[in-house]
PDB file of N, CA and C in Angstrom:
ATOM      1  N   UNK A   1      41.634 107.517 -70.746  1.00  0.00           N
ATOM      2  CA  UNK A   1      41.979 107.506 -72.148  1.00  0.00           C
ATOM      3  C   UNK A   1      42.994 108.623 -72.420  1.00  0.00           C
ATOM      4  N   UNK A   2      43.988 108.306 -73.198  1.00  0.00           N
ATOM      5  CA  UNK A   2      44.994 109.292 -73.571  1.00  0.00           C
ATOM      6  C   UNK A   2      44.464 110.203 -74.663  1.00  0.00           C
ATOM      7  N   UNK A   3      45.049 111.383 -74.734  1.00  0.00           N
ATOM      8  CA  UNK A   3      44.697 112.332 -75.796  1.00  0.00           C
ATOM      9  C   UNK A   3      45.138 111.765 -77.138  1.00  0.00           C
ATOM     10  N   UNK A   4      44.318 111.971 -78.152  1.00  0.00           N
ATOM     11  CA  UNK A   4      44.648 111.538 -79.497  1.00  0.00           C
ATOM     12  C   UNK A   4      44.897 112.794 -80.333  1.00  0.00           C
ATOM     13  N   UNK A   5      46.054 112.843 -80.978  1.00  0.00           N
ATOM     14  CA  UNK A   5      46.465 114.029 -81.728  1.00  0.00           C
ATOM     15  C   UNK A   5      45.677 114.204 -83.021  1.00  0.00           C
ATOM     16  N   UNK A   6      45.444 115.466 -83.378  1.00  0.00           N
ATOM     17  CA  UNK A   6      44.797 115.836 -84.638  1.00  0.00           C
ATOM     18  C   UNK A   6      45.847 116.003 -85.725  1.00  0.00           C
ATOM     19  N   UNK A   7      45.374 116.375 -86.908  1.00  0.00           N
ATOM     20  CA  UNK A   7      46.275 116.743 -87.985  1.00  0.00           C
ATOM     21  C   UNK A   7      46.572 118.231 -87.915  1.00  0.00           C
ATOM     22  N   UNK A   8      47.195 118.764 -88.948  1.00  0.00           N
ATOM     23  CA  UNK A   8      47.523 120.183 -88.988  1.00  0.00           C
ATOM     24  C   UNK A   8      46.266 121.014 -89.211  1.00  0.00           C
ATOM     25  N   UNK A   9      45.440 120.600 -90.146  1.00  0.00           N
ATOM     26  CA  UNK A   9      44.221 121.327 -90.483  1.00  0.00           C
ATOM     27  C   UNK A   9      42.989 120.569 -90.007  1.00  0.00           C
ATOM     28  N   UNK A  10      42.991 119.277 -90.200  1.00  0.00           N
ATOM     29  CA  UNK A  10      41.822 118.452 -89.920  1.00  0.00           C
ATOM     30  C   UNK A  10      41.813 117.919 -88.490  1.00  0.00           C
ATOM     31  N   UNK A  11      40.634 117.894 -87.907  1.00  0.00           N
ATOM     32  CA  UNK A  11      40.408 117.309 -86.584  1.00  0.00           C
ATOM     33  C   UNK A  11      39.896 115.882 -86.761  1.00  0.00           C
ATOM     34  N   UNK A  12      40.134 115.053 -85.777  1.00  0.00           N
ATOM     35  CA  UNK A  12      39.710 113.653 -85.866  1.00  0.00           C
ATOM     36  C   UNK A  12      38.191 113.558 -85.746  1.00  0.00           C
ATOM     37  N   UNK A  13      37.541 112.968 -86.747  1.00  0.00           N
ATOM     38  CA  UNK A  13      36.094 112.779 -86.653  1.00  0.00           C
ATOM     39  C   UNK A  13      35.774 111.670 -85.640  1.00  0.00           C
ATOM     40  N   UNK A  14      34.577 111.702 -85.103  1.00  0.00           N
ATOM     41  CA  UNK A  14      34.176 110.779 -84.038  1.00  0.00           C
ATOM     42  C   UNK A  14      34.319 109.313 -84.434  1.00  0.00           C
ATOM     43  N   UNK A  15      33.962 108.960 -85.675  1.00  0.00           N
ATOM     44  CA  UNK A  15      34.029 107.559 -86.065  1.00  0.00           C
ATOM     45  C   UNK A  15      35.468 107.045 -86.114  1.00  0.00           C
ATOM     46  N   UNK A  16      36.402 107.867 -86.556  1.00  0.00           N
ATOM     47  CA  UNK A  16      37.805 107.445 -86.590  1.00  0.00           C
ATOM     48  C   UNK A  16      38.416 107.497 -85.190  1.00  0.00           C
ATOM     49  N   UNK A  17      37.992 108.471 -84.379  1.00  0.00           N
ATOM     50  CA  UNK A  17      38.460 108.536 -82.985  1.00  0.00           C
ATOM     51  C   UNK A  17      38.092 107.255 -82.235  1.00  0.00           C
ATOM     52  N   UNK A  18      36.903 106.753 -82.494  1.00  0.00           N
ATOM     53  CA  UNK A  18      36.464 105.513 -81.843  1.00  0.00           C
ATOM     54  C   UNK A  18      37.392 104.353 -82.204  1.00  0.00           C
ATOM     55  N   UNK A  19      37.799 104.281 -83.471  1.00  0.00           N
ATOM     56  CA  UNK A  19      38.713 103.226 -83.914  1.00  0.00           C
ATOM     57  C   UNK A  19      40.049 103.358 -83.195  1.00  0.00           C
ATOM     58  N   UNK A  20      40.590 104.567 -83.159  1.00  0.00           N
ATOM     59  CA  UNK A  20      41.885 104.771 -82.512  1.00  0.00           C
ATOM     60  C   UNK A  20      41.816 104.520 -81.010  1.00  0.00           C
ATOM     61  N   UNK A  21      40.698 104.841 -80.410  1.00  0.00           N
ATOM     62  CA  UNK A  21      40.522 104.608 -78.981  1.00  0.00           C
ATOM     63  C   UNK A  21      40.455 103.116 -78.658  1.00  0.00           C
ATOM     64  N   UNK A  22      39.864 102.352 -79.547  1.00  0.00           N
ATOM     65  CA  UNK A  22      39.651 100.927 -79.282  1.00  0.00           C
ATOM     66  C   UNK A  22      40.800 100.031 -79.745  1.00  0.00           C
ATOM     67  N   UNK A  23      41.769 100.568 -80.474  1.00  0.00           N
ATOM     68  CA  UNK A  23      42.849  99.751 -81.026  1.00  0.00           C
ATOM     69  C   UNK A  23      44.187 100.377 -80.635  1.00  0.00           C
ATOM     70  N   UNK A  24      44.836  99.790 -79.624  1.00  0.00           N
ATOM     71  CA  UNK A  24      46.066 100.350 -79.083  1.00  0.00           C
ATOM     72  C   UNK A  24      47.172 100.431 -80.141  1.00  0.00           C
ATOM     73  N   UNK A  25      47.320  99.402 -80.950  1.00  0.00           N
ATOM     74  CA  UNK A  25      48.375  99.391 -81.969  1.00  0.00           C
ATOM     75  C   UNK A  25      48.154 100.486 -83.008  1.00  0.00           C
ATOM     76  N   UNK A  26      46.920 100.667 -83.434  1.00  0.00           N
ATOM     77  CA  UNK A  26      46.609 101.721 -84.400  1.00  0.00           C
ATOM     78  C   UNK A  26      46.847 103.094 -83.778  1.00  0.00           C
ATOM     79  N   UNK A  27      46.469 103.263 -82.507  1.00  0.00           N
ATOM     80  CA  UNK A  27      46.659 104.544 -81.822  1.00  0.00           C
ATOM     81  C   UNK A  27      48.151 104.856 -81.665  1.00  0.00           C
ATOM     82  N   UNK A  28      48.951 103.864 -81.315  1.00  0.00           N
ATOM     83  CA  UNK A  28      50.391 104.080 -81.170  1.00  0.00           C
ATOM     84  C   UNK A  28      51.021 104.454 -82.509  1.00  0.00           C
ATOM     85  N   UNK A  29      50.596 103.794 -83.586  1.00  0.00           N
ATOM     86  CA  UNK A  29      51.097 104.126 -84.923  1.00  0.00           C
ATOM     87  C   UNK A  29      50.678 105.543 -85.288  1.00  0.00           C
ATOM     88  N   UNK A  30      49.445 105.914 -84.952  1.00  0.00           N
ATOM     89  CA  UNK A  30      48.921 107.251 -85.228  1.00  0.00           C
ATOM     90  C   UNK A  30      49.766 108.310 -84.536  1.00  0.00           C
ATOM     91  N   UNK A  31      50.085 108.093 -83.298  1.00  0.00           N
ATOM     92  CA  UNK A  31      50.851 109.063 -82.525  1.00  0.00           C
ATOM     93  C   UNK A  31      52.313 109.114 -82.980  1.00  0.00           C
ATOM     94  N   UNK A  32      52.783 108.102 -83.683  1.00  0.00           N
ATOM     95  CA  UNK A  32      54.165 108.049 -84.143  1.00  0.00           C
ATOM     96  C   UNK A  32      54.381 108.803 -85.456  1.00  0.00           C
ATOM     97  N   UNK A  33      53.311 109.121 -86.178  1.00  0.00           N
ATOM     98  CA  UNK A  33      53.477 109.838 -87.444  1.00  0.00           C
ATOM     99  C   UNK A  33      53.407 111.349 -87.214  1.00  0.00           C
ATOM    100  N   UNK A  34      53.858 112.097 -88.184  1.00  0.00           N
ATOM    101  CA  UNK A  34      53.895 113.564 -88.047  1.00  0.00           C
ATOM    102  C   UNK A  34      52.495 114.167 -88.143  1.00  0.00           C
ATOM    103  N   UNK A  35      52.323 115.391 -87.660  1.00  0.00           N
ATOM    104  CA  UNK A  35      51.032 116.058 -87.813  1.00  0.00           C
ATOM    105  C   UNK A  35      50.609 116.190 -89.283  1.00  0.00           C
ATOM    106  N   UNK A  36      51.559 116.413 -90.182  1.00  0.00           N
ATOM    107  CA  UNK A  36      51.216 116.501 -91.606  1.00  0.00           C
ATOM    108  C   UNK A  36      50.720 115.155 -92.127  1.00  0.00           C
ATOM    109  N   UNK A  37      51.353 114.080 -91.701  1.00  0.00           N
ATOM    110  CA  UNK A  37      50.910 112.746 -92.129  1.00  0.00           C
ATOM    111  C   UNK A  37      49.525 112.445 -91.563  1.00  0.00           C
ATOM    112  N   UNK A  38      49.276 112.811 -90.301  1.00  0.00           N
ATOM    113  CA  UNK A  38      47.938 112.610 -89.714  1.00  0.00           C
ATOM    114  C   UNK A  38      46.907 113.403 -90.509  1.00  0.00           C
ATOM    115  N   UNK A  39      47.282 114.614 -90.903  1.00  0.00           N
ATOM    116  CA  UNK A  39      46.391 115.448 -91.694  1.00  0.00           C
ATOM    117  C   UNK A  39      46.029 114.764 -93.011  1.00  0.00           C
ATOM    118  N   UNK A  40      47.002 114.124 -93.648  1.00  0.00           N
ATOM    119  CA  UNK A  40      46.755 113.423 -94.912  1.00  0.00           C
ATOM    120  C   UNK A  40      45.738 112.301 -94.706  1.00  0.00           C
ATOM    121  N   UNK A  41      45.917 111.505 -93.658  1.00  0.00           N
ATOM    122  CA  UNK A  41      44.960 110.423 -93.377  1.00  0.00           C
ATOM    123  C   UNK A  41      43.560 110.985 -93.142  1.00  0.00           C
ATOM    124  N   UNK A  42      43.460 112.034 -92.333  1.00  0.00           N
ATOM    125  CA  UNK A  42      42.148 112.596 -92.004  1.00  0.00           C
ATOM    126  C   UNK A  42      41.455 113.175 -93.227  1.00  0.00           C
ATOM    127  N   UNK A  43      42.190 113.878 -94.048  1.00  0.00           N
ATOM    128  CA  UNK A  43      41.601 114.445 -95.261  1.00  0.00           C
ATOM    129  C   UNK A  43      41.166 113.325 -96.202  1.00  0.00           C
ATOM    130  N   UNK A  44      41.990 112.292 -96.306  1.00  0.00           N
ATOM    131  CA  UNK A  44      41.673 111.144 -97.164  1.00  0.00           C
ATOM    132  C   UNK A  44      40.374 110.487 -96.701  1.00  0.00           C
ATOM    133  N   UNK A  45      40.194 110.352 -95.399  1.00  0.00           N
ATOM    134  CA  UNK A  45      38.970 109.761 -94.841  1.00  0.00           C
ATOM    135  C   UNK A  45      37.771 110.667 -95.108  1.00  0.00           C
ATOM    136  N   UNK A  46      37.941 111.967 -94.925  1.00  0.00           N
ATOM    137  CA  UNK A  46      36.822 112.900 -95.030  1.00  0.00           C
ATOM    138  C   UNK A  46      36.503 113.345 -96.459  1.00  0.00           C
ATOM    139  N   UNK A  47      37.379 113.068 -97.408  1.00  0.00           N
ATOM    140  CA  UNK A  47      37.199 113.591 -98.760  1.00  0.00           C
ATOM    141  C   UNK A  47      36.196 112.812 -99.608  1.00  0.00           C
ATOM    142  N   UNK A  48      35.719 111.697 -99.111  1.00  0.00           N
ATOM    143  CA  UNK A  48      34.791 110.876 -99.897  1.00  0.00           C
ATOM    144  C   UNK A  48      33.356 111.344 -99.713  1.00  0.00           C
ATOM    145  N   UNK A  49      32.486 110.927-100.623  1.00  0.00           N
ATOM    146  CA  UNK A  49      31.084 111.352-100.570  1.00  0.00           C
ATOM    147  C   UNK A  49      30.170 110.290 -99.980  1.00  0.00           C
ATOM    148  N   UNK A  50      30.468 109.031-100.233  1.00  0.00           N
ATOM    149  CA  UNK A  50      29.577 107.950 -99.794  1.00  0.00           C
ATOM    150  C   UNK A  50      30.008 107.383 -98.442  1.00  0.00           C
ATOM    151  N   UNK A  51      29.044 107.073 -97.604  1.00  0.00           N
ATOM    152  CA  UNK A  51      29.328 106.490 -96.287  1.00  0.00           C
ATOM    153  C   UNK A  51      30.047 105.152 -96.406  1.00  0.00           C
ATOM    154  N   UNK A  52      29.711 104.372 -97.434  1.00  0.00           N
ATOM    155  CA  UNK A  52      30.363 103.074 -97.621  1.00  0.00           C
ATOM    156  C   UNK A  52      31.854 103.257 -97.901  1.00  0.00           C
ATOM    157  N   UNK A  53      32.173 104.262 -98.703  1.00  0.00           N
ATOM    158  CA  UNK A  53      33.576 104.532 -99.020  1.00  0.00           C
ATOM    159  C   UNK A  53      34.297 105.046 -97.786  1.00  0.00           C
ATOM    160  N   UNK A  54      33.640 105.892 -97.020  1.00  0.00           N
ATOM    161  CA  UNK A  54      34.241 106.403 -95.786  1.00  0.00           C
ATOM    162  C   UNK A  54      34.549 105.258 -94.826  1.00  0.00           C
ATOM    163  N   UNK A  55      33.604 104.346 -94.656  1.00  0.00           N
ATOM    164  CA  UNK A  55      33.820 103.193 -93.774  1.00  0.00           C
ATOM    165  C   UNK A  55      35.008 102.360 -94.261  1.00  0.00           C
ATOM    166  N   UNK A  56      35.113 102.205 -95.579  1.00  0.00           N
ATOM    167  CA  UNK A  56      36.239 101.464 -96.149  1.00  0.00           C
ATOM    168  C   UNK A  56      37.560 102.194 -95.878  1.00  0.00           C
ATOM    169  N   UNK A  57      37.569 103.513 -96.023  1.00  0.00           N
ATOM    170  CA  UNK A  57      38.785 104.284 -95.769  1.00  0.00           C
ATOM    171  C   UNK A  57      39.202 104.179 -94.297  1.00  0.00           C
ATOM    172  N   UNK A  58      38.251 104.211 -93.399  1.00  0.00           N
ATOM    173  CA  UNK A  58      38.569 104.093 -91.976  1.00  0.00           C
ATOM    174  C   UNK A  58      39.147 102.714 -91.680  1.00  0.00           C
ATOM    175  N   UNK A  59      38.532 101.688 -92.223  1.00  0.00           N
ATOM    176  CA  UNK A  59      39.026 100.322 -92.016  1.00  0.00           C
ATOM    177  C   UNK A  59      40.435 100.170 -92.593  1.00  0.00           C
ATOM    178  N   UNK A  60      40.625 100.709 -93.782  1.00  0.00           N
ATOM    179  CA  UNK A  60      41.936 100.614 -94.427  1.00  0.00           C
ATOM    180  C   UNK A  60      42.985 101.431 -93.669  1.00  0.00           C
ATOM    181  N   UNK A  61      42.626 102.616 -93.191  1.00  0.00           N
ATOM    182  CA  UNK A  61      43.567 103.440 -92.417  1.00  0.00           C
ATOM    183  C   UNK A  61      44.022 102.686 -91.178  1.00  0.00           C
ATOM    184  N   UNK A  62      43.096 102.075 -90.493  1.00  0.00           N
ATOM    185  CA  UNK A  62      43.436 101.298 -89.295  1.00  0.00           C
ATOM    186  C   UNK A  62      44.442 100.204 -89.624  1.00  0.00           C
ATOM    187  N   UNK A  63      44.152  99.432 -90.653  1.00  0.00           N
ATOM    188  CA  UNK A  63      45.025  98.322 -91.032  1.00  0.00           C
ATOM    189  C   UNK A  63      46.388  98.820 -91.504  1.00  0.00           C
ATOM    190  N   UNK A  64      46.394  99.856 -92.339  1.00  0.00           N
ATOM    191  CA  UNK A  64      47.657 100.316 -92.907  1.00  0.00           C
ATOM    192  C   UNK A  64      48.529 101.031 -91.881  1.00  0.00           C
ATOM    193  N   UNK A  65      47.933 101.731 -90.951  1.00  0.00           N
ATOM    194  CA  UNK A  65      48.721 102.319 -89.865  1.00  0.00           C
ATOM    195  C   UNK A  65      49.418 101.219 -89.073  1.00  0.00           C
ATOM    196  N   UNK A  66      48.704 100.151 -88.791  1.00  0.00           N
ATOM    197  CA  UNK A  66      49.283  99.036 -88.035  1.00  0.00           C
ATOM    198  C   UNK A  66      50.372  98.313 -88.827  1.00  0.00           C
ATOM    199  N   UNK A  67      50.308  98.403 -90.154  1.00  0.00           N
ATOM    200  CA  UNK A  67      51.345  97.813 -91.007  1.00  0.00           C
ATOM    201  C   UNK A  67      52.574  98.721 -91.105  1.00  0.00           C
ATOM    202  N   UNK A  68      52.461  99.935 -90.594  1.00  0.00           N
ATOM    203  CA  UNK A  68      53.582 100.855 -90.611  1.00  0.00           C
ATOM    204  C   UNK A  68      53.532 101.912 -91.703  1.00  0.00           C
ATOM    205  N   UNK A  69      52.443 101.958 -92.446  1.00  0.00           N
ATOM    206  CA  UNK A  69      52.327 102.984 -93.483  1.00  0.00           C
ATOM    207  C   UNK A  69      52.086 104.337 -92.821  1.00  0.00           C
ATOM    208  N   UNK A  70      52.736 105.337 -93.345  1.00  0.00           N
ATOM    209  CA  UNK A  70      52.690 106.648 -92.726  1.00  0.00           C
ATOM    210  C   UNK A  70      51.744 107.619 -93.422  1.00  0.00           C
ATOM    211  N   UNK A  71      51.354 107.312 -94.647  1.00  0.00           N
ATOM    212  CA  UNK A  71      50.421 108.160 -95.405  1.00  0.00           C
ATOM    213  C   UNK A  71      49.557 107.271 -96.291  1.00  0.00           C
ATOM    214  N   UNK A  72      48.378 107.749 -96.683  1.00  0.00           N
ATOM    215  CA  UNK A  72      47.546 106.947 -97.585  1.00  0.00           C
ATOM    216  C   UNK A  72      48.221 106.801 -98.950  1.00  0.00           C
ATOM    217  N   UNK A  73      48.201 105.615 -99.465  1.00  0.00           N
ATOM    218  CA  UNK A  73      48.842 105.320-100.746  1.00  0.00           C
ATOM    219  C   UNK A  73      47.966 105.771-101.917  1.00  0.00           C
ATOM    220  N   UNK A  74      48.623 106.178-102.959  1.00  0.00           N
ATOM    221  CA  UNK A  74      47.948 106.468-104.239  1.00  0.00           C
ATOM    222  C   UNK A  74      46.890 107.567-104.108  1.00  0.00           C
ATOM    223  N   UNK A  75      47.208 108.592-103.371  1.00  0.00           N
ATOM    224  CA  UNK A  75      46.304 109.731-103.184  1.00  0.00           C
ATOM    225  C   UNK A  75      47.132 110.991-103.360  1.00  0.00           C
ATOM    226  N   UNK A  76      46.607 111.972-104.022  1.00  0.00           N
ATOM    227  CA  UNK A  76      47.385 113.167-104.363  1.00  0.00           C
ATOM    228  C   UNK A  76      47.708 114.050-103.171  1.00  0.00           C
ATOM    229  N   UNK A  77      47.044 113.855-102.056  1.00  0.00           N
ATOM    230  CA  UNK A  77      47.340 114.626-100.853  1.00  0.00           C
ATOM    231  C   UNK A  77      46.267 115.656-100.531  1.00  0.00           C
ATOM    232  N   UNK A  78      46.333 116.156 -99.333  1.00  0.00           N
ATOM    233  CA  UNK A  78      45.354 117.102 -98.821  1.00  0.00           C
ATOM    234  C   UNK A  78      45.495 118.458 -99.512  1.00  0.00           C
ATOM    235  N   UNK A  79      44.432 118.938-100.116  1.00  0.00           N
ATOM    236  CA  UNK A  79      44.482 120.263-100.761  1.00  0.00           C
ATOM    237  C   UNK A  79      44.321 121.400 -99.753  1.00  0.00           C
ATOM    238  N   UNK A  80      44.063 121.092 -98.485  1.00  0.00           N
ATOM    239  CA  UNK A  80      43.758 122.105 -97.472  1.00  0.00           C
ATOM    240  C   UNK A  80      44.968 122.627 -96.712  1.00  0.00           C
ATOM    241  N   UNK A  81      46.134 122.061 -96.948  1.00  0.00           N
ATOM    242  CA  UNK A  81      47.288 122.521 -96.160  1.00  0.00           C
ATOM    243  C   UNK A  81      48.065 123.609 -96.827  1.00  0.00           C
TER     244      UNK A  81
END
């Protein structure tokens, strides 16, 4: 398995790492975006409170990365950077 890059501040959580490991297209899209953009996705995934919402964010991140989106849409951005 190839190394999967983290964001600037946020590290990849195990559940999202599993998705990137199992989906070559999503992993390639992930590696093609900047560390700041990866950080935005990771913060967006981790910023929710409910597990159902987190699962939805992970599913949506996978799909949108494969569509070529570089950052989560309609989100104000990571406050941690």
